[in-house]
C-alpha atoms as a PDB file:
ATOM      1  CA  MET A   1       0.000   0.000   0.000  1.00  0.00           C
ATOM      2  CA  ASP A   2       1.245   3.486  -0.716  1.00  0.00           C
ATOM      3  CA  ARG A   3       2.145   5.264   2.534  1.00  0.00           C
ATOM      4  CA  SER A   4       0.003   8.278   1.635  1.00  0.00           C
ATOM      5  CA  GLU A   5      -3.074   6.015   1.387  1.00  0.00           C
ATOM      6  CA  VAL A   6      -2.827   4.561   4.923  1.00  0.00           C
ATOM      7  CA  ALA A   7      -4.518   7.360   6.910  1.00  0.00           C
ATOM      8  CA  PRO A   8      -7.396   7.947   4.436  1.00  0.00           C
ATOM      9  CA  TRP A   9      -8.036   4.196   4.170  1.00  0.00           C
ATOM     10  CA  LEU A  10      -8.143   3.789   7.975  1.00  0.00           C
ATOM     11  CA  LYS A  11     -10.539   6.747   8.313  1.00  0.00           C
ATOM     12  CA  ALA A  12     -12.853   5.265   5.668  1.00  0.00           C
ATOM     13  CA  ALA A  13     -12.714   1.663   6.934  1.00  0.00           C
ATOM     14  CA  TYR A  14     -12.766   2.360  10.699  1.00  0.00           C
ATOM     15  CA  PRO A  15     -14.056   5.921  11.212  1.00  0.00           C
ATOM     16  CA  GLU A  16     -14.821   5.357  14.913  1.00  0.00           C
ATOM     17  CA  LEU A  17     -11.312   4.144  15.846  1.00  0.00           C
ATOM     18  CA  GLU A  18      -8.011   5.914  16.407  1.00  0.00           C
ATOM     19  CA  PRO A  19      -4.733   4.176  15.456  1.00  0.00           C
ATOM     20  CA  GLU A  20      -2.183   3.416  18.184  1.00  0.00           C
ATOM     21  CA  GLN A  21       1.376   4.640  17.959  1.00  0.00           C
ATOM     22  CA  GLU A  22       4.646   4.239  19.836  1.00  0.00           C
ATOM     23  CA  GLN A  23       4.328   2.390  23.184  1.00  0.00           C
ATOM     24  CA  GLU A  24       1.329   0.193  22.379  1.00  0.00           C
ATOM     25  CA  CYS A  25       2.468  -0.700  18.864  1.00  0.00           C
ATOM     26  CA  ALA A  26       5.591  -2.559  17.756  1.00  0.00           C
ATOM     27  CA  GLU A  27       5.225  -1.190  14.203  1.00  0.00           C
ATOM     28  CA  ASP A  28       4.832   2.384  12.944  1.00  0.00           C
ATOM     29  CA  LEU A  29       1.058   2.311  13.345  1.00  0.00           C
ATOM     30  CA  CYS A  30      -1.495  -0.209  14.684  1.00  0.00           C
ATOM     31  CA  LEU A  31      -5.248  -0.436  14.930  1.00  0.00           C
ATOM     32  CA  ARG A  32      -7.231  -2.932  17.009  1.00  0.00           C
ATOM     33  CA  HIS A  33     -10.906  -3.596  16.514  1.00  0.00           C
ATOM     34  CA  SER A  34     -13.113  -5.943  18.554  1.00  0.00           C
ATOM     35  CA  PHE A  35     -16.460  -6.833  17.064  1.00  0.00           C
ATOM     36  CA  GLY A  36     -18.062  -9.236  19.542  1.00  0.00           C
ATOM     37  CA  THR A  37     -17.765 -12.864  20.484  1.00  0.00           C
ATOM     38  CA  SER A  38     -17.179 -15.676  18.048  1.00  0.00           C
ATOM     39  CA  VAL A  39     -15.810 -19.208  18.054  1.00  0.00           C
ATOM     40  CA  MET A  40     -13.255 -18.295  15.362  1.00  0.00           C
ATOM     41  CA  ALA A  41     -12.179 -14.700  16.077  1.00  0.00           C
ATOM     42  CA  ASP A  42     -13.662 -11.670  17.778  1.00  0.00           C
ATOM     43  CA  GLY A  43     -11.289  -8.965  16.647  1.00  0.00           C
ATOM     44  CA  VAL A  44      -8.517  -7.919  14.308  1.00  0.00           C
ATOM     45  CA  GLN A  45      -5.234  -6.080  14.632  1.00  0.00           C
ATOM     46  CA  LEU A  46      -3.872  -4.163  11.673  1.00  0.00           C
ATOM     47  CA  SER A  47      -0.176  -3.262  11.742  1.00  0.00           C
ATOM     48  CA  PHE A  48       1.533  -0.846   9.362  1.00  0.00           C
ATOM     49  CA  ARG A  49       5.286  -0.710   8.826  1.00  0.00           C
ATOM     50  CA  TYR A  50       6.525   2.150   6.680  1.00  0.00           C
ATOM     51  CA  GLU A  51       9.159   1.010   4.191  1.00  0.00           C
ATOM     52  CA  ALA A  52      11.510   2.648   1.734  1.00  0.00           C
ATOM     53  CA  GLY A  53      10.041   4.001  -1.458  1.00  0.00           C
ATOM     54  CA  GLY A  54       6.947   5.497   0.181  1.00  0.00           C
ATOM     55  CA  THR A  55       5.189   2.179   0.785  1.00  0.00           C
ATOM     56  CA  ALA A  56       3.594   0.597   3.856  1.00  0.00           C
ATOM     57  CA  LEU A  57       3.529  -3.103   4.652  1.00  0.00           C
ATOM     58  CA  VAL A  58       0.099  -3.992   6.074  1.00  0.00           C
ATOM     59  CA  THR A  59      -0.370  -7.049   8.296  1.00  0.00           C
ATOM     60  CA  LEU A  60      -3.733  -8.295   9.559  1.00  0.00           C
ATOM     61  CA  HIS A  61      -4.033 -10.633  12.538  1.00  0.00           C
ATOM     62  CA  ALA A  62      -7.289 -12.228  13.662  1.00  0.00           C
ATOM     63  CA  MET A  63      -7.630 -12.237  17.457  1.00  0.00           C
ATOM     64  CA  GLN A  64      -9.686 -14.248  19.903  1.00  0.00           C
ATOM     65  CA  SER A  65      -9.988 -13.102  23.485  1.00  0.00           C
END
């Protein structure tokens, strides 16, 4: 993903959430979203690592509490 597209995409996809930075996030930017209980997963964590060339590596992890 192009680095300049990260913030607008997060605002559009998760308008009610604020990304985490620094202490709570091992990458450059993280966002956690819980959406209820489920047998498989009840939340996701998106991590963004800014790389050379103006790109961002996006990783999605399903979470179960």
